[in-house]
């Protein structure tokens, strides 16, 4: 067992993007995910919010976790971008940046004079990451949401039962779209090191979703047969299902090779099935699913989920207890490996955040700064831009900036 105290995080100054400054104009999930990835990897990410705050801060229900999850390791400056003075301050801040990131509706940044063409004319080295619903083309005028592109991009069809399209249970396209925005920014930084010039990077929800279903598109190309929704598919493996155990709990069990089939039968003393010539190979077992799986359900329901998990773990067979997201906070592996980092919510409550799922030289990029309070860094950033305390007070009195006044 690994001692969680042995797990270390990387000092911020040693992270790969230390010294890179990102100014982001983002909300919801997609844009903030891009900034979170870059911030976790060492970039200084400054979140520009309205004086009233990013609306995501106030979401309830399924959106309550958006702001604290995707805005850690960032600074917050609150500016009124509808005012000429606020836009001028934003331009002064952008002049200090390597990367600008945004995910507002097409045309919004241009109206503010903060679009790529305008900013690149001022600084050709600037990298500009734009997160949208669609890449440029016939659909680019549409308003997109994760659920919209899942429905139109084949993912909801593949996830639900036939005739019952169902969105995935998390913001898969928003999160992955933000990740691809970050990957694009990294590529642009590498290109700038060679050419000395920045560029615009675009990432989009719809195209991200198409990549997620690309394997099914390719399946059709290769076989000439359309992929069936996952609940109705003909599986490549005979045992690849959720089973109900004795205690009513559910457990996913898989047997994906002939070697594993022998291990499975031996472990559960199913000698008759092991010897049955109709079940000799994986393809035989796939063809026998109609009668074999119901038989296995009858036999396996006599075991508890814990017993089945123990048998499968001891024999190196794939399995998974069906787990709810909140139960992962107590997951022994996540806690032992340091994957859940302590942090403080903007309202002062303690929480634990999920770190990036990677290590660098054996260490995890960690949480170095809590999700910021609204305008928490407005004053020091304005001072850095050359504003005096008297000027900052005047800006605050006129609601052009938000945050504590000096």
Protein backbone atom coordinates (compact mmCIF):
# COMPACT_ATOMS: atom_id res chain seq x y z
CA UNK A 1 0.00 0.00 0.00
CA UNK A 2 1.28 3.45 -0.92
CA UNK A 3 1.57 5.99 1.87
CA UNK A 4 -0.31 9.13 0.72
CA UNK A 5 2.26 11.22 2.61
CA UNK A 6 4.88 9.98 0.16
CA UNK A 7 3.06 11.54 -2.77
CA UNK A 8 4.39 14.91 -3.71
CA UNK A 9 3.19 17.71 -5.90
CA UNK A 10 5.46 19.72 -8.14
CA UNK A 11 6.54 23.17 -6.90
CA UNK A 12 4.75 25.75 -9.08
CA UNK A 13 8.05 27.30 -10.20
CA UNK A 14 9.16 23.91 -11.55
CA UNK A 15 6.05 23.27 -13.64
CA UNK A 16 6.51 23.30 -17.43
CA UNK A 17 4.47 26.45 -18.12
CA UNK A 18 5.78 28.55 -15.24
CA UNK A 19 6.37 32.05 -16.57
CA UNK A 20 3.55 31.86 -19.14
CA UNK A 21 0.72 34.33 -18.54
CA UNK A 22 -2.83 33.57 -19.69
CA UNK A 23 -5.67 36.09 -19.63
CA UNK A 24 -9.01 34.34 -19.97
CA UNK A 25 -12.48 35.66 -20.71
CA UNK A 26 -14.41 32.49 -19.95
CA UNK A 27 -17.43 31.06 -18.18
CA UNK A 28 -19.24 27.75 -17.69
CA UNK A 29 -16.98 24.71 -18.38
CA UNK A 30 -15.24 24.64 -21.77
CA UNK A 31 -13.11 27.80 -21.56
CA UNK A 32 -12.40 27.44 -17.83
CA UNK A 33 -11.19 23.85 -18.41
CA UNK A 34 -8.56 25.12 -20.85
CA UNK A 35 -7.37 27.64 -18.26
CA UNK A 36 -7.41 25.04 -15.47
CA UNK A 37 -5.18 22.69 -17.45
CA UNK A 38 -2.70 25.46 -18.23
CA UNK A 39 -2.82 26.74 -14.63
CA UNK A 40 -2.30 23.27 -13.18
CA UNK A 41 0.77 22.98 -15.43
CA UNK A 42 2.24 26.20 -14.09
CA UNK A 43 0.85 29.06 -16.16
CA UNK A 44 -0.34 32.22 -14.40
CA UNK A 45 -3.99 32.32 -15.43
CA UNK A 46 -5.90 35.53 -14.84
CA UNK A 47 -9.68 35.22 -15.04
CA UNK A 48 -11.37 38.44 -16.18
CA UNK A 49 -14.86 38.58 -14.68
CA UNK A 50 -17.69 41.12 -14.80
CA UNK A 51 -17.85 43.38 -11.76
CA UNK A 52 -20.90 41.38 -10.68
CA UNK A 53 -18.96 38.14 -11.09
CA UNK A 54 -19.02 35.19 -13.46
CA UNK A 55 -22.60 33.90 -13.51
CA UNK A 56 -21.20 30.39 -13.08
CA UNK A 57 -20.41 31.32 -9.47
CA UNK A 58 -24.14 31.42 -8.75
CA UNK A 59 -25.30 28.24 -10.46
CA UNK A 60 -27.16 25.67 -8.39
CA UNK A 61 -28.10 22.04 -9.03
CA UNK A 62 -25.92 20.29 -11.61
CA UNK A 63 -23.95 23.49 -12.16
CA UNK A 64 -22.97 24.02 -8.53
CA UNK A 65 -19.58 22.35 -9.02
CA UNK A 66 -18.59 24.20 -12.20
CA UNK A 67 -16.85 27.24 -10.75
CA UNK A 68 -14.85 25.58 -7.94
CA UNK A 69 -13.84 22.63 -10.13
CA UNK A 70 -12.57 24.49 -13.18
CA UNK A 71 -11.19 27.72 -11.71
CA UNK A 72 -8.59 26.59 -9.20
CA UNK A 73 -5.02 27.87 -9.49
CA UNK A 74 -6.29 31.09 -11.11
CA UNK A 75 -6.39 34.77 -10.25
CA UNK A 76 -9.51 36.90 -10.55
CA UNK A 77 -9.79 40.49 -11.75
CA UNK A 78 -13.21 42.09 -12.07
CA UNK A 79 -13.60 44.60 -14.91
CA UNK A 80 -16.56 46.29 -16.57
CA UNK A 81 -15.83 45.51 -20.20
CA UNK A 82 -18.89 47.46 -21.30
CA UNK A 83 -17.06 50.64 -20.32
CA UNK A 84 -14.30 52.22 -22.39
CA UNK A 85 -12.08 52.44 -19.33
CA UNK A 86 -12.63 48.78 -18.46
CA UNK A 87 -11.75 47.71 -22.00
CA UNK A 88 -8.63 49.88 -21.90
CA UNK A 89 -7.55 48.16 -18.69
CA UNK A 90 -8.20 44.77 -20.29
CA UNK A 91 -5.98 45.75 -23.23
CA UNK A 92 -3.21 46.79 -20.85
CA UNK A 93 -3.51 43.44 -19.10
CA UNK A 94 -3.52 41.53 -22.40
CA UNK A 95 -0.33 43.36 -23.39
CA UNK A 96 1.42 41.42 -20.61
CA UNK A 97 0.03 38.03 -21.70
CA UNK A 98 1.31 35.16 -23.81
CA UNK A 99 -2.15 33.65 -24.32
CA UNK A 100 -5.71 34.96 -24.41
CA UNK A 101 -8.53 32.44 -24.03
CA UNK A 102 -12.26 33.02 -24.54
CA UNK A 103 -15.48 31.05 -24.98
CA UNK A 104 -18.21 33.59 -25.62
CA UNK A 105 -20.71 33.68 -28.49
CA UNK A 106 -19.27 34.41 -31.93
CA UNK A 107 -18.91 38.14 -32.38
CA UNK A 108 -18.87 39.04 -28.67
CA UNK A 109 -15.12 39.60 -28.42
CA UNK A 110 -15.09 41.59 -31.69
CA UNK A 111 -17.73 43.95 -30.34
CA UNK A 112 -15.47 44.54 -27.34
CA UNK A 113 -12.42 45.10 -29.53
CA UNK A 114 -10.82 42.01 -28.00
CA UNK A 115 -10.93 39.69 -31.02
CA UNK A 116 -7.87 37.96 -32.43
CA UNK A 117 -7.40 40.25 -35.44
CA UNK A 118 -7.41 43.36 -33.26
CA UNK A 119 -5.12 41.93 -30.60
CA UNK A 120 -2.71 40.28 -33.06
CA UNK A 121 -2.22 43.63 -34.80
CA UNK A 122 -1.04 45.00 -31.44
CA UNK A 123 1.08 41.94 -30.55
CA UNK A 124 1.95 39.42 -33.30
CA UNK A 125 3.39 37.05 -30.67
CA UNK A 126 0.01 36.65 -28.95
CA UNK A 127 -1.65 33.23 -28.92
CA UNK A 128 -5.45 33.42 -28.96
CA UNK A 129 -7.56 30.39 -28.02
CA UNK A 130 -11.21 30.53 -29.03
CA UNK A 131 -13.66 27.90 -27.76
CA UNK A 132 -16.90 27.70 -29.72
CA UNK A 133 -19.79 25.40 -30.51
CA UNK A 134 -18.62 24.76 -34.07
CA UNK A 135 -15.52 25.40 -36.11
CA UNK A 136 -16.03 27.87 -38.98
CA UNK A 137 -18.60 26.53 -41.45
CA UNK A 138 -22.35 26.24 -42.08
CA UNK A 139 -23.17 25.62 -38.40
CA UNK A 140 -20.98 28.29 -36.81
CA UNK A 141 -23.90 30.68 -36.25
CA UNK A 142 -25.75 28.14 -34.09
CA UNK A 143 -25.81 28.25 -30.31
CA UNK A 144 -24.37 25.00 -28.99
CA UNK A 145 -24.43 23.25 -25.64
CA UNK A 146 -22.85 19.95 -24.67
CA UNK A 147 -26.26 18.29 -24.90
CA UNK A 148 -26.96 19.84 -28.31
CA UNK A 149 -23.81 18.40 -29.90
CA UNK A 150 -24.28 15.05 -28.19
CA UNK A 151 -27.69 14.79 -29.82
CA UNK A 152 -26.60 15.95 -33.28
CA UNK A 153 -23.20 14.24 -33.15
CA UNK A 154 -24.24 10.63 -32.55
CA UNK A 155 -23.12 10.32 -28.93
CA UNK A 156 -26.60 10.43 -27.38
CA UNK A 157 -27.75 7.86 -29.95
CA UNK A 158 -24.89 5.54 -29.02
CA UNK A 159 -25.36 6.00 -25.25
CA UNK A 160 -29.11 5.46 -25.03
CA UNK A 161 -31.25 2.48 -25.82
CA UNK A 162 -32.77 2.27 -29.33
CA UNK A 163 -35.30 5.06 -29.68
CA UNK A 164 -34.20 6.65 -26.40
CA UNK A 165 -31.18 8.94 -27.00
CA UNK A 166 -29.40 9.77 -23.78
CA UNK A 167 -26.69 12.32 -23.10
CA UNK A 168 -23.56 11.19 -21.29
CA UNK A 169 -23.60 11.75 -17.55
CA UNK A 170 -21.02 14.54 -17.49
CA UNK A 171 -19.90 17.52 -19.59
CA UNK A 172 -17.72 15.38 -21.84
CA UNK A 173 -17.51 17.77 -24.79
CA UNK A 174 -17.08 20.89 -22.67
CA UNK A 175 -14.24 19.29 -20.73
CA UNK A 176 -12.55 17.67 -23.71
CA UNK A 177 -13.08 20.78 -25.83
CA UNK A 178 -11.25 22.80 -23.18
CA UNK A 179 -8.50 20.19 -23.11
CA UNK A 180 -8.06 20.46 -26.87
CA UNK A 181 -7.96 24.23 -26.51
CA UNK A 182 -5.11 23.78 -24.03
CA UNK A 183 -3.36 21.31 -26.36
CA UNK A 184 -3.70 23.83 -29.17
CA UNK A 185 -2.21 26.54 -26.95
CA UNK A 186 0.72 24.26 -26.12
CA UNK A 187 1.27 23.57 -29.83
CA UNK A 188 1.11 27.30 -30.57
CA UNK A 189 3.69 28.01 -27.85
CA UNK A 190 6.01 25.44 -29.42
CA UNK A 191 5.46 26.97 -32.86
CA UNK A 192 6.12 30.48 -31.51
CA UNK A 193 9.43 29.32 -30.08
CA UNK A 194 10.43 28.46 -33.67
CA UNK A 195 8.81 31.30 -35.63
CA UNK A 196 8.49 34.11 -33.12
CA UNK A 197 4.82 34.54 -34.04
CA UNK A 198 1.61 33.67 -32.28
CA UNK A 199 -1.55 32.33 -33.87
CA UNK A 200 -5.24 31.72 -33.32
CA UNK A 201 -6.30 28.33 -31.95
CA UNK A 202 -9.90 27.18 -32.28
CA UNK A 203 -11.60 24.34 -30.44
CA UNK A 204 -15.26 23.37 -30.82
CA UNK A 205 -17.87 21.23 -29.09
CA UNK A 206 -19.32 19.63 -32.22
CA UNK A 207 -16.01 18.61 -33.73
CA UNK A 208 -14.92 17.28 -30.34
CA UNK A 209 -18.05 15.14 -30.17
CA UNK A 210 -17.43 13.81 -33.69
CA UNK A 211 -13.99 12.63 -32.54
CA UNK A 212 -15.67 10.77 -29.67
CA UNK A 213 -17.86 8.80 -32.09
CA UNK A 214 -15.19 8.48 -34.79
CA UNK A 215 -14.59 4.82 -33.93
CA UNK A 216 -18.23 4.07 -34.75
CA UNK A 217 -17.97 6.04 -37.99
CA UNK A 218 -14.88 4.03 -38.89
CA UNK A 219 -16.65 0.80 -37.93
CA UNK A 220 -19.27 1.60 -40.57
CA UNK A 221 -16.57 2.42 -43.13
CA UNK A 222 -14.72 -0.85 -42.46
CA UNK A 223 -17.69 -3.21 -42.13
CA UNK A 224 -20.51 -1.50 -44.01
CA UNK A 225 -22.71 -1.99 -40.96
CA UNK A 226 -23.94 0.87 -38.82
CA UNK A 227 -23.01 0.75 -35.15
CA UNK A 228 -25.94 -0.05 -32.87
CA UNK A 229 -26.52 1.93 -29.65
CA UNK A 230 -24.28 0.59 -26.90
CA UNK A 231 -27.11 -1.08 -24.91
CA UNK A 232 -28.21 -2.95 -28.06
CA UNK A 233 -24.82 -3.64 -29.62
CA UNK A 234 -23.44 -7.04 -30.49
CA UNK A 235 -20.51 -7.01 -28.11
CA UNK A 236 -17.09 -8.15 -29.21
CA UNK A 237 -16.98 -10.19 -25.99
CA UNK A 238 -19.42 -12.69 -24.59
CA UNK A 239 -19.22 -11.55 -20.96
CA UNK A 240 -19.16 -7.77 -20.82
CA UNK A 241 -22.15 -6.86 -18.70
CA UNK A 242 -23.59 -5.52 -15.48
CA UNK A 243 -24.81 -8.34 -13.21
CA UNK A 244 -27.00 -8.16 -10.13
CA UNK A 245 -25.50 -9.85 -7.08
CA UNK A 246 -27.07 -11.50 -4.03
CA UNK A 247 -27.25 -8.29 -2.02
CA UNK A 248 -28.97 -6.38 -4.83
CA UNK A 249 -25.81 -4.47 -5.67
CA UNK A 250 -24.65 -4.35 -9.24
CA UNK A 251 -21.23 -5.22 -10.57
CA UNK A 252 -19.70 -5.04 -14.03
CA UNK A 253 -17.89 -8.22 -15.06
CA UNK A 254 -15.84 -8.88 -18.18
CA UNK A 255 -14.18 -11.93 -19.71
CA UNK A 256 -12.43 -10.80 -22.89
CA UNK A 257 -10.20 -13.69 -23.91
CA UNK A 258 -10.16 -17.48 -24.00
CA UNK A 259 -7.54 -17.50 -21.25
CA UNK A 260 -9.77 -15.36 -19.06
CA UNK A 261 -12.70 -17.69 -19.76
CA UNK A 262 -10.76 -20.62 -18.31
CA UNK A 263 -9.78 -18.52 -15.26
CA UNK A 264 -13.40 -17.44 -14.83
CA UNK A 265 -14.78 -20.97 -14.98
CA UNK A 266 -12.12 -22.34 -12.65
CA UNK A 267 -12.53 -19.52 -10.12
CA UNK A 268 -16.30 -19.98 -9.90
CA UNK A 269 -16.23 -23.79 -10.34
CA UNK A 270 -18.19 -23.70 -13.59
CA UNK A 271 -16.60 -26.92 -14.87
CA UNK A 272 -19.61 -27.72 -17.05
CA UNK A 273 -19.34 -24.42 -18.91
CA UNK A 274 -15.59 -24.81 -19.31
CA UNK A 275 -16.11 -28.22 -20.92
CA UNK A 276 -19.04 -27.19 -23.13
CA UNK A 277 -17.85 -27.28 -26.78
CA UNK A 278 -20.43 -24.60 -27.66
CA UNK A 279 -18.41 -22.17 -25.51
CA UNK A 280 -14.90 -23.10 -26.61
CA UNK A 281 -13.91 -19.76 -28.17
CA UNK A 282 -14.83 -16.13 -27.60
CA UNK A 283 -16.79 -16.00 -30.84
CA UNK A 284 -18.63 -19.18 -29.85
CA UNK A 285 -19.57 -17.54 -26.58
CA UNK A 286 -20.72 -14.36 -28.34
CA UNK A 287 -23.03 -16.44 -30.50
CA UNK A 288 -24.29 -18.24 -27.37
CA UNK A 289 -25.07 -15.09 -25.39
CA UNK A 290 -28.84 -15.56 -25.71
CA UNK A 291 -28.77 -18.62 -23.45
CA UNK A 292 -25.39 -18.30 -21.74
CA UNK A 293 -25.83 -14.86 -20.15
CA UNK A 294 -29.21 -15.66 -18.50
CA UNK A 295 -27.62 -18.84 -17.13
CA UNK A 296 -24.72 -16.86 -15.70
CA UNK A 297 -27.12 -14.34 -14.16
CA UNK A 298 -28.89 -17.18 -12.32
CA UNK A 299 -25.61 -18.52 -10.96
CA UNK A 300 -23.92 -15.23 -10.11
CA UNK A 301 -26.88 -13.82 -8.19
CA UNK A 302 -26.02 -16.36 -5.48
CA UNK A 303 -22.79 -14.43 -4.72
CA UNK A 304 -22.48 -11.05 -3.08
CA UNK A 305 -20.91 -8.22 -5.05
CA UNK A 306 -17.98 -8.21 -2.62
CA UNK A 307 -17.39 -11.94 -3.18
CA UNK A 308 -17.42 -11.52 -6.95
CA UNK A 309 -15.09 -8.53 -6.73
CA UNK A 310 -12.68 -10.53 -4.61
CA UNK A 311 -12.71 -13.49 -7.01
CA UNK A 312 -12.15 -11.30 -10.06
CA UNK A 313 -9.40 -9.28 -8.41
CA UNK A 314 -7.53 -12.38 -7.22
CA UNK A 315 -7.61 -13.87 -10.73
CA UNK A 316 -6.77 -10.67 -12.61
CA UNK A 317 -10.15 -10.45 -14.31
CA UNK A 318 -11.78 -7.09 -15.19
CA UNK A 319 -14.54 -5.97 -12.83
CA UNK A 320 -16.05 -2.84 -11.34
CA UNK A 321 -18.55 -2.18 -8.61
CA UNK A 322 -21.12 0.37 -9.78
CA UNK A 323 -20.07 3.56 -8.02
CA UNK A 324 -21.73 6.95 -7.62
CA UNK A 325 -19.58 10.08 -8.04
CA UNK A 326 -19.81 11.12 -4.39
CA UNK A 327 -18.52 7.72 -3.32
CA UNK A 328 -15.24 8.46 -5.09
CA UNK A 329 -14.37 10.91 -2.32
CA UNK A 330 -13.76 7.84 -0.16
CA UNK A 331 -12.10 5.73 -2.85
CA UNK A 332 -9.02 4.09 -1.32
CA UNK A 333 -6.94 4.30 -4.49
CA UNK A 334 -7.67 7.99 -5.08
CA UNK A 335 -6.92 8.82 -1.47
CA UNK A 336 -3.77 6.68 -1.35
CA UNK A 337 -2.34 8.19 -4.52
CA UNK A 338 -2.99 11.83 -3.64
CA UNK A 339 -5.46 12.37 -6.47
CA UNK A 340 -7.82 14.39 -4.25
CA UNK A 341 -6.21 17.65 -3.17
CA UNK A 342 -7.44 19.83 -0.30
CA UNK A 343 -8.75 23.23 -1.30
CA UNK A 344 -11.06 25.93 -0.01
CA UNK A 345 -14.23 27.04 -1.75
CA UNK A 346 -14.81 30.78 -2.32
CA UNK A 347 -17.32 30.75 0.56
CA UNK A 348 -14.65 29.43 2.95
CA UNK A 349 -15.70 25.79 3.17
CA UNK A 350 -13.09 23.07 2.84
CA UNK A 351 -13.27 20.68 -0.09
CA UNK A 352 -11.14 18.30 -2.13
CA UNK A 353 -10.49 18.77 -5.82
CA UNK A 354 -9.63 16.13 -8.41
CA UNK A 355 -6.15 16.65 -9.86
CA UNK A 356 -5.16 16.21 -13.49
CA UNK A 357 -4.90 12.47 -14.26
CA UNK A 358 -1.17 12.48 -14.92
CA UNK A 359 2.22 12.55 -13.24
CA UNK A 360 5.34 14.41 -14.31
CA UNK A 361 8.52 12.68 -13.20
CA UNK A 362 6.47 10.78 -10.61
CA UNK A 363 4.75 13.84 -9.11
CA UNK A 364 1.27 15.32 -9.55
CA UNK A 365 0.53 18.88 -10.61
CA UNK A 366 -1.40 20.06 -7.56
CA UNK A 367 -3.75 22.76 -6.29
CA UNK A 368 -1.57 25.76 -5.44
CA UNK A 369 -4.31 28.37 -5.19
CA UNK A 370 -7.95 28.03 -4.22
CA UNK A 371 -10.69 29.03 -6.66
CA UNK A 372 -10.48 32.82 -6.37
CA UNK A 373 -12.97 35.08 -4.72
CA UNK A 374 -14.50 37.64 -7.05
CA UNK A 375 -11.91 40.29 -7.84
CA UNK A 376 -9.50 38.80 -5.32
CA UNK A 377 -6.49 39.90 -7.37
CA UNK A 378 -7.88 43.09 -8.88
CA UNK A 379 -5.78 45.44 -6.75
CA UNK A 380 -2.36 43.80 -7.16
CA UNK A 381 -2.92 43.36 -10.89
CA UNK A 382 -3.96 46.98 -11.34
CA UNK A 383 -0.94 48.11 -9.35
CA UNK A 384 1.21 45.97 -11.62
CA UNK A 385 -0.30 47.82 -14.58
CA UNK A 386 0.78 51.12 -13.03
CA UNK A 387 -2.48 52.24 -11.39
CA UNK A 388 -2.14 54.22 -8.17
CA UNK A 389 -4.26 53.46 -5.13
CA UNK A 390 -6.17 56.69 -5.72
CA UNK A 391 -6.91 55.63 -9.29
CA UNK A 392 -8.02 52.19 -8.13
CA UNK A 393 -10.39 53.75 -5.59
CA UNK A 394 -11.88 55.95 -8.30
CA UNK A 395 -12.30 52.96 -10.62
CA UNK A 396 -14.04 51.02 -7.85
CA UNK A 397 -16.31 53.95 -6.96
CA UNK A 398 -17.42 54.10 -10.58
CA UNK A 399 -17.97 50.31 -10.72
CA UNK A 400 -15.39 49.88 -13.45
CA UNK A 401 -13.45 47.39 -11.33
CA UNK A 402 -14.52 45.01 -8.59
CA UNK A 403 -12.75 43.65 -5.55
CA UNK A 404 -11.52 45.20 -2.35
CA UNK A 405 -10.40 48.81 -2.66
CA UNK A 406 -7.02 49.85 -1.18
